C-alpha atoms as a PDB file:
ATOM      1  CA  MET A   1      -6.600  18.737 -13.747  1.00  0.00           C
ATOM      2  CA  ASN A   2      -2.876  17.992 -13.695  1.00  0.00           C
ATOM      3  CA  MET A   3      -2.602  19.464 -10.206  1.00  0.00           C
ATOM      4  CA  ILE A   4      -5.267  17.065  -8.929  1.00  0.00           C
ATOM      5  CA  LEU A   5      -3.525  14.134 -10.587  1.00  0.00           C
ATOM      6  CA  ASN A   6      -0.207  15.220  -9.038  1.00  0.00           C
ATOM      7  CA  ILE A   7      -1.799  15.343  -5.602  1.00  0.00           C
ATOM      8  CA  ILE A   8      -3.325  11.896  -6.044  1.00  0.00           C
ATOM      9  CA  GLY A   9      -0.001  10.557  -7.354  1.00  0.00           C
ATOM     10  CA  SER A  10       1.809  11.995  -4.339  1.00  0.00           C
ATOM     11  CA  ALA A  11      -0.774  10.459  -2.010  1.00  0.00           C
ATOM     12  CA  ILE A  12      -0.224   7.061  -3.661  1.00  0.00           C
ATOM     13  CA  GLY A  13       3.531   7.467  -3.166  1.00  0.00           C
ATOM     14  CA  ILE A  14       3.123   8.357   0.500  1.00  0.00           C
ATOM     15  CA  TYR A  15       0.714   5.475   1.006  1.00  0.00           C
ATOM     16  CA  SER A  16       3.222   3.107  -0.601  1.00  0.00           C
ATOM     17  CA  TRP A  17       5.859   4.161   1.935  1.00  0.00           C
ATOM     18  CA  ILE A  18       3.418   3.740   4.810  1.00  0.00           C
ATOM     19  CA  LEU A  19       2.623   0.267   3.504  1.00  0.00           C
ATOM     20  CA  ILE A  20       6.325  -0.624   3.287  1.00  0.00           C
ATOM     21  CA  ILE A  21       6.936   0.558   6.846  1.00  0.00           C
ATOM     22  CA  TYR A  22       3.893  -1.344   8.103  1.00  0.00           C
ATOM     23  CA  ILE A  23       5.051  -4.556   6.432  1.00  0.00           C
ATOM     24  CA  LEU A  24       8.585  -4.169   7.788  1.00  0.00           C
ATOM     25  CA  MET A  25       7.142  -3.659  11.265  1.00  0.00           C
ATOM     26  CA  SER A  26       6.041  -7.301  11.192  1.00  0.00           C
ATOM     27  CA  TRP A  27       9.709  -8.303  11.396  1.00  0.00           C
ATOM     28  CA  PHE A  28      10.117  -6.632  14.793  1.00  0.00           C
ATOM     29  CA  PRO A  29       8.331  -8.106  17.808  1.00  0.00           C
ATOM     30  CA  ASN A  30       5.593  -5.933  19.334  1.00  0.00           C
ATOM     31  CA  SER A  31       6.187  -3.056  16.913  1.00  0.00           C
ATOM     32  CA  ARG A  32       2.626  -3.247  15.591  1.00  0.00           C
ATOM     33  CA  GLU A  33       1.282  -2.824  19.115  1.00  0.00           C
ATOM     34  CA  THR A  34       2.800   0.659  19.393  1.00  0.00           C
ATOM     35  CA  SER A  35       0.625   3.696  18.718  1.00  0.00           C
ATOM     36  CA  ILE A  36       2.223   4.260  15.296  1.00  0.00           C
ATOM     37  CA  GLY A  37       1.814   0.564  14.497  1.00  0.00           C
ATOM     38  CA  GLN A  38      -1.872   0.732  15.379  1.00  0.00           C
ATOM     39  CA  LEU A  39      -2.302   3.860  13.267  1.00  0.00           C
ATOM     40  CA  PHE A  40      -0.611   2.197  10.299  1.00  0.00           C
ATOM     41  CA  ALA A  41      -2.797  -0.890  10.815  1.00  0.00           C
ATOM     42  CA  LYS A  42      -5.936   1.249  10.604  1.00  0.00           C
ATOM     43  CA  VAL A  43      -4.657   2.759   7.365  1.00  0.00           C
ATOM     44  CA  CYS A  44      -3.158  -0.351   5.728  1.00  0.00           C
ATOM     45  CA  GLU A  45      -5.278  -3.314   6.805  1.00  0.00           C
ATOM     46  CA  PRO A  46      -8.457  -2.271   4.926  1.00  0.00           C
ATOM     47  CA  TYR A  47      -6.408  -2.126   1.725  1.00  0.00           C
ATOM     48  CA  LEU A  48      -4.469  -5.351   2.353  1.00  0.00           C
ATOM     49  CA  GLU A  49      -7.467  -7.444   3.447  1.00  0.00           C
ATOM     50  CA  PRO A  50      -8.924  -8.088  -0.046  1.00  0.00           C
ATOM     51  CA  PHE A  51      -5.501  -9.152  -1.307  1.00  0.00           C
ATOM     52  CA  ARG A  52      -5.095 -11.552   1.608  1.00  0.00           C
ATOM     53  CA  ARG A  53      -8.378 -13.204   0.675  1.00  0.00           C
ATOM     54  CA  ILE A  54      -7.296 -13.622  -2.949  1.00  0.00           C
ATOM     55  CA  VAL A  55      -3.554 -14.388  -2.683  1.00  0.00           C
ATOM     56  CA  PRO A  56      -2.755 -17.379  -0.476  1.00  0.00           C
ATOM     57  CA  PRO A  57       0.408 -17.352   1.639  1.00  0.00           C
ATOM     58  CA  ILE A  58       3.356 -19.455   0.559  1.00  0.00           C
ATOM     59  CA  GLY A  59       4.271 -21.392   3.676  1.00  0.00           C
ATOM     60  CA  MET A  60       4.723 -18.812   6.408  1.00  0.00           C
ATOM     61  CA  ILE A  61       5.240 -15.925   3.969  1.00  0.00           C
ATOM     62  CA  ASP A  62       2.376 -13.580   3.126  1.00  0.00           C
ATOM     63  CA  ILE A  63       2.896 -12.408  -0.449  1.00  0.00           C
ATOM     64  CA  SER A  64      -0.344 -10.455  -0.697  1.00  0.00           C
ATOM     65  CA  PRO A  65       1.489  -7.124  -0.158  1.00  0.00           C
ATOM     66  CA  LEU A  66       3.283  -7.742  -3.457  1.00  0.00           C
ATOM     67  CA  ALA A  67      -0.066  -7.826  -5.227  1.00  0.00           C
ATOM     68  CA  ALA A  68      -1.110  -4.707  -3.314  1.00  0.00           C
ATOM     69  CA  PHE A  69       2.027  -2.856  -4.466  1.00  0.00           C
ATOM     70  CA  PHE A  70       1.434  -4.034  -8.033  1.00  0.00           C
ATOM     71  CA  VAL A  71      -2.069  -2.541  -7.977  1.00  0.00           C
ATOM     72  CA  LEU A  72      -0.741   0.729  -6.514  1.00  0.00           C
ATOM     73  CA  LYS A  73       1.864   0.919  -9.284  1.00  0.00           C
ATOM     74  CA  LEU A  74      -0.807   0.271 -11.920  1.00  0.00           C
ATOM     75  CA  ALA A  75      -2.942   3.045 -10.426  1.00  0.00           C
ATOM     76  CA  SER A  76       0.020   5.408 -10.456  1.00  0.00           C
ATOM     77  CA  ALA A  77       0.847   4.542 -14.070  1.00  0.00           C
ATOM     78  CA  GLY A  78      -2.800   5.015 -15.002  1.00  0.00           C
ATOM     79  CA  LEU A  79      -2.788   8.477 -13.464  1.00  0.00           C
ATOM     80  CA  ILE A  80       0.309   9.381 -15.442  1.00  0.00           C
ATOM     81  CA  GLU A  81      -1.405   8.306 -18.661  1.00  0.00           C
ATOM     82  CA  ILE A  82      -4.547  10.250 -17.800  1.00  0.00           C
ATOM     83  CA  GLY A  83      -2.363  13.283 -17.162  1.00  0.00           C
ATOM     84  CA  ARG A  84      -0.825  12.930 -20.615  1.00  0.00           C
ATOM     85  CA  TRP A  85      -4.266  13.062 -22.205  1.00  0.00           C
ATOM     86  CA  PHE A  86      -4.930  16.449 -20.658  1.00  0.00           C
END
């Protein structure tokens, strides 16, 4: 059971880094139109979309990724607690 939780925890960590890279790509013109940018969009946009509907932008700044990271951290902490039970 712990091995499965470790794998899921590692996947959450990797996904967090992909999300960070995808968000930083928005600072560079045309970077999201590259093949890696399109791949990251396919992976990240389905997760970010619900947060964008719930969390409104502040001016020109989209803060929904902060909520998305918060949820990922809660999921990771939850997995750690589940692992402690077993």
